[in-house]
Protein backbone atom coordinates (compact mmCIF):
# COMPACT_ATOMS: atom_id res chain seq x y z
CA MET A 1 -24.49 0.11 -20.04
CA ASN A 2 -23.78 3.90 -19.57
CA GLY A 3 -20.16 4.46 -17.47
CA VAL A 4 -20.49 0.44 -16.79
CA GLU A 5 -16.63 -0.26 -17.66
CA ASP A 6 -16.45 -3.48 -19.03
CA ILE A 7 -13.57 -5.25 -16.90
CA ARG A 8 -14.09 -8.82 -16.01
CA ALA A 9 -10.94 -10.73 -14.53
CA PRO A 10 -10.15 -10.19 -10.57
CA GLY A 11 -7.19 -9.27 -11.34
CA ASP A 12 -7.63 -6.80 -13.35
CA ILE A 13 -10.85 -5.37 -10.49
CA GLU A 14 -8.08 -4.93 -7.86
CA ARG A 15 -5.71 -2.95 -9.86
CA ARG A 16 -8.74 -1.12 -11.46
CA SER A 17 -10.19 -0.50 -7.25
CA PHE A 18 -7.17 0.81 -6.24
CA GLU A 19 -6.54 3.24 -9.42
CA ILE A 20 -9.73 4.84 -8.42
CA ILE A 21 -8.97 4.44 -4.42
CA ASP A 22 -5.45 6.62 -5.18
CA SER A 23 -7.23 9.16 -7.60
CA GLU A 24 -9.37 10.15 -4.60
CA VAL A 25 -7.41 10.35 -1.73
CA SER A 26 -4.97 13.38 -2.60
CA GLU A 27 -1.03 13.90 -1.91
CA PRO A 28 -0.04 13.78 0.56
CA ARG A 29 -2.44 11.32 1.81
CA PRO A 30 -2.19 10.11 5.73
CA PHE A 31 -0.49 7.34 5.28
CA GLN A 32 2.47 6.79 3.37
CA GLY A 33 4.36 3.45 2.22
CA VAL A 34 3.32 -0.14 3.81
CA GLU A 35 1.12 1.97 5.90
CA TRP A 36 -0.92 2.90 2.59
CA GLN A 37 -0.91 -0.16 1.34
CA VAL A 38 -2.73 -1.46 4.42
CA ALA A 39 -4.98 1.44 4.59
CA ARG A 40 -5.73 1.18 0.34
CA ARG A 41 -6.57 -2.32 1.04
CA MET A 42 -9.25 -1.50 4.00
CA ILE A 43 -10.94 0.95 2.16
CA HIS A 44 -10.89 -1.72 -1.20
CA THR A 45 -12.92 -4.24 1.80
CA THR A 46 -14.79 -1.75 2.65
CA ALA A 47 -15.58 1.56 0.04
CA ASP A 48 -14.89 2.97 3.55
CA PHE A 49 -12.66 6.24 3.33
CA GLU A 50 -13.95 7.41 6.98
CA ILE A 51 -11.11 4.57 7.77
CA LEU A 52 -8.51 6.90 7.04
CA SER A 53 -9.43 8.70 9.62
CA LEU A 54 -9.59 6.33 12.14
CA LEU A 55 -6.85 3.70 11.25
CA ARG A 56 -3.78 4.01 13.87
CA PHE A 57 -0.76 2.00 13.13
CA HIS A 58 2.30 1.55 16.17
CA PRO A 59 5.68 2.82 14.92
CA GLN A 60 7.33 -0.59 14.26
CA ALA A 61 3.82 -2.08 13.27
CA CYS A 62 4.33 -2.60 9.49
CA GLU A 63 7.73 -3.35 9.88
CA ALA A 64 7.25 -6.16 13.13
CA GLY A 65 4.14 -7.40 11.10
CA MET A 66 6.15 -8.32 7.80
CA ALA A 67 9.38 -9.84 9.73
CA ALA A 68 6.95 -12.26 11.48
CA LEU A 69 4.91 -13.01 7.70
CA ALA A 70 9.05 -13.83 6.12
CA SER A 71 10.40 -15.90 8.68
CA GLY A 72 6.72 -17.76 7.90
CA CYS A 73 4.81 -17.41 11.61
CA LEU A 74 2.39 -19.12 13.13
CA LEU A 75 -1.04 -16.78 13.03
CA VAL A 76 -4.38 -16.67 15.46
CA THR A 77 -7.64 -15.44 14.67
CA ASP A 78 -10.66 -15.07 16.52
CA THR A 79 -13.09 -16.51 13.77
CA ASP A 80 -13.29 -18.75 10.97
CA MET A 81 -14.33 -15.72 8.97
CA ALA A 82 -11.15 -13.85 9.27
CA ARG A 83 -8.89 -17.35 9.23
CA CYS A 84 -10.70 -17.49 5.76
CA GLY A 85 -10.21 -14.37 4.95
CA ILE A 86 -6.30 -14.75 4.23
CA PRO A 87 -5.87 -17.30 1.63
CA MET A 88 -3.59 -19.84 1.52
CA ARG A 89 -2.01 -18.49 -1.76
CA ARG A 90 -0.88 -15.52 0.56
CA MET A 91 0.73 -17.38 3.36
CA GLU A 92 2.10 -20.83 1.65
CA PRO A 93 4.50 -18.88 0.09
CA LEU A 94 5.90 -17.42 3.36
CA GLY A 95 5.09 -20.42 5.16
CA CYS A 96 2.73 -19.38 7.53
CA THR A 97 -0.24 -21.00 8.96
CA VAL A 98 -3.01 -20.03 10.21
CA ARG A 99 -5.16 -21.34 13.12
CA CYS A 100 -8.64 -20.08 14.64
CA LEU A 101 -9.85 -22.29 17.65
CA MET A 102 -13.05 -20.96 17.89
CA ALA A 103 -14.29 -23.88 17.11
CA ASP A 104 -12.38 -26.20 18.57
CA ALA A 105 -14.11 -28.78 21.37
CA GLU A 106 -11.39 -28.13 23.68
CA THR A 107 -12.20 -24.61 23.54
CA ALA A 108 -15.27 -25.31 24.60
CA ALA A 109 -14.88 -27.07 27.74
CA LEU A 110 -12.30 -24.47 28.72
CA ALA A 111 -15.54 -21.80 28.10
CA ARG A 112 -17.64 -23.78 30.06
CA GLU A 113 -15.42 -24.62 33.26
CA ARG A 114 -14.47 -21.13 33.28
CA GLY A 115 -17.96 -19.93 33.08
CA THR A 116 -16.14 -17.38 30.02
CA THR A 117 -16.81 -16.68 26.53
CA LYS A 118 -15.29 -19.10 24.00
CA ALA A 119 -13.62 -16.04 22.89
CA ARG A 120 -11.63 -15.22 26.03
CA ALA A 121 -11.13 -19.42 26.40
CA ALA A 122 -9.94 -19.85 22.98
CA VAL A 123 -6.69 -16.88 23.44
CA ASP A 124 -6.06 -18.39 26.90
CA LEU A 125 -5.44 -22.33 24.53
CA ALA A 126 -3.64 -19.98 22.16
CA VAL A 127 -1.41 -18.03 24.22
CA GLU A 128 -0.47 -21.80 26.39
CA ARG A 129 0.09 -23.62 23.65
CA LEU A 130 0.73 -21.70 20.50
CA ALA A 131 2.16 -18.23 21.03
CA PRO A 132 1.75 -17.32 17.44
CA ALA A 133 3.47 -14.63 16.73
CA VAL A 134 0.38 -12.07 14.77
CA TRP A 135 -2.88 -11.87 16.51
CA VAL A 136 -6.02 -10.94 14.17
CA ILE A 137 -8.97 -10.14 15.95
CA GLY A 138 -11.91 -8.90 14.12
CA ASN A 139 -14.77 -9.34 15.82
CA ALA A 140 -14.59 -10.08 19.69
CA PRO A 141 -14.00 -7.84 22.10
CA THR A 142 -13.33 -10.37 25.06
CA ALA A 143 -10.37 -11.80 23.02
CA LEU A 144 -8.27 -8.26 22.38
CA LEU A 145 -9.17 -7.71 26.12
CA ARG A 146 -7.96 -11.19 27.09
CA LEU A 147 -5.36 -10.66 24.62
CA LEU A 148 -4.08 -7.68 26.37
CA GLU A 149 -4.40 -9.13 30.04
CA HIS A 150 -1.94 -11.77 28.57
CA THR A 151 0.70 -9.08 27.05
CA ASP A 152 0.36 -6.57 29.90
CA SER A 153 1.91 -10.21 32.28
CA GLY A 154 4.49 -10.69 29.93
CA ARG A 155 2.80 -14.34 29.61
CA ALA A 156 2.74 -12.96 24.98
CA ARG A 157 4.87 -10.92 22.94
CA PRO A 158 3.35 -11.38 19.64
CA ALA A 159 5.21 -9.49 16.74
CA LEU A 160 1.97 -7.62 15.73
CA VAL A 161 -1.67 -7.22 16.91
CA VAL A 162 -4.40 -6.65 14.31
CA GLY A 163 -7.06 -5.58 16.72
CA MET A 164 -10.40 -4.00 14.92
CA PRO A 165 -13.03 -5.92 17.02
CA VAL A 166 -16.36 -4.56 15.73
CA GLY A 167 -19.79 -3.68 18.14
CA PHE A 168 -21.43 -1.24 20.62
CA VAL A 169 -20.23 -3.39 23.65
CA ASN A 170 -16.28 -2.78 24.54
CA ALA A 171 -15.29 -2.60 20.75
CA ALA A 172 -14.48 0.61 21.26
CA GLU A 173 -12.76 0.77 24.73
CA SER A 174 -10.69 -2.83 24.22
CA LYS A 175 -8.90 -0.87 21.62
CA GLU A 176 -8.31 2.20 23.51
CA LEU A 177 -6.33 0.19 25.84
CA LEU A 178 -4.41 -1.76 23.00
CA LEU A 179 -3.48 1.93 21.33
CA ALA A 180 -2.36 3.17 24.88
CA GLN A 181 -0.08 -0.09 25.92
CA GLU A 182 3.55 0.11 24.29
CA ARG A 183 4.67 -3.53 24.98
CA VAL A 184 3.25 -5.17 21.64
CA PRO A 185 3.31 -3.36 17.30
CA TYR A 186 -0.49 -3.32 16.69
CA VAL A 187 -2.97 -1.84 13.37
CA THR A 188 -6.23 -0.51 14.43
CA LEU A 189 -9.43 1.18 13.71
CA ARG A 190 -10.60 3.42 17.04
CA GLY A 191 -14.53 3.37 17.41
CA ARG A 192 -17.57 0.56 17.19
CA LYS A 193 -16.26 0.05 13.08
CA GLY A 194 -14.04 -3.15 12.74
CA GLY A 195 -14.86 -6.75 11.62
CA SER A 196 -13.14 -9.88 10.60
CA ALA A 197 -12.85 -8.78 6.85
CA LEU A 198 -10.97 -5.82 7.41
CA ALA A 199 -8.98 -7.89 10.34
CA ALA A 200 -7.79 -9.99 7.30
CA SER A 201 -6.99 -7.48 4.95
CA VAL A 202 -4.54 -5.97 6.54
CA ILE A 203 -3.16 -9.39 7.01
CA ASN A 204 -3.09 -9.51 2.94
CA ALA A 205 -2.01 -6.88 2.02
CA LEU A 206 1.20 -7.19 4.02
CA ALA A 207 1.77 -10.31 3.07
CA GLU A 208 1.64 -8.96 -0.15
CA ALA A 209 4.12 -6.46 0.45
CA VAL A 210 6.72 -9.20 1.52
CA LEU A 211 5.80 -11.12 -2.02
CA ARG A 212 6.38 -8.46 -3.98
CA GLY A 213 9.92 -7.68 -1.93
């Protein structure tokens, strides 16, 4: 077929995708170094270049996230989709573990007891019992809002929050609150866009940076 590139190996497809992204974002790029690696993988995940105008990094986000991953930290996600989007082939060499409590029976019981969402209850359980170093929130604004309550009170002090809930109710607003605080490093995406795949892609890019040394 005219114009179709004969590229079949997964690694070659990914490399070619990054080459195309690099070629379509002219220098000087809005992000450099590891921040550009994160932004590029997010674009690769979505084919959406608007990410470049929406993406925001805390000044210590990449450094803090990479240090946590290099130490073999625990990560907690707000969905199983985000958990599955962070493959163990990247986590195992670092000694990292990824957990999601949304499907746990204890989460459902706590949500019923407190009359709240499972996303909010899952955050409470994770803060109380797991104290994860990295949070990956790509779906539920209620999860990010609850985590911010915990960081504000001092009950949680994660190394990094990837906060990218998607949607129309409190998604943009929860991310603005994340941007406004200075207690914990973050990577976020302003507005309504986000999602589990995007949030996971941030971790994948940081893990790749650590593994490459």
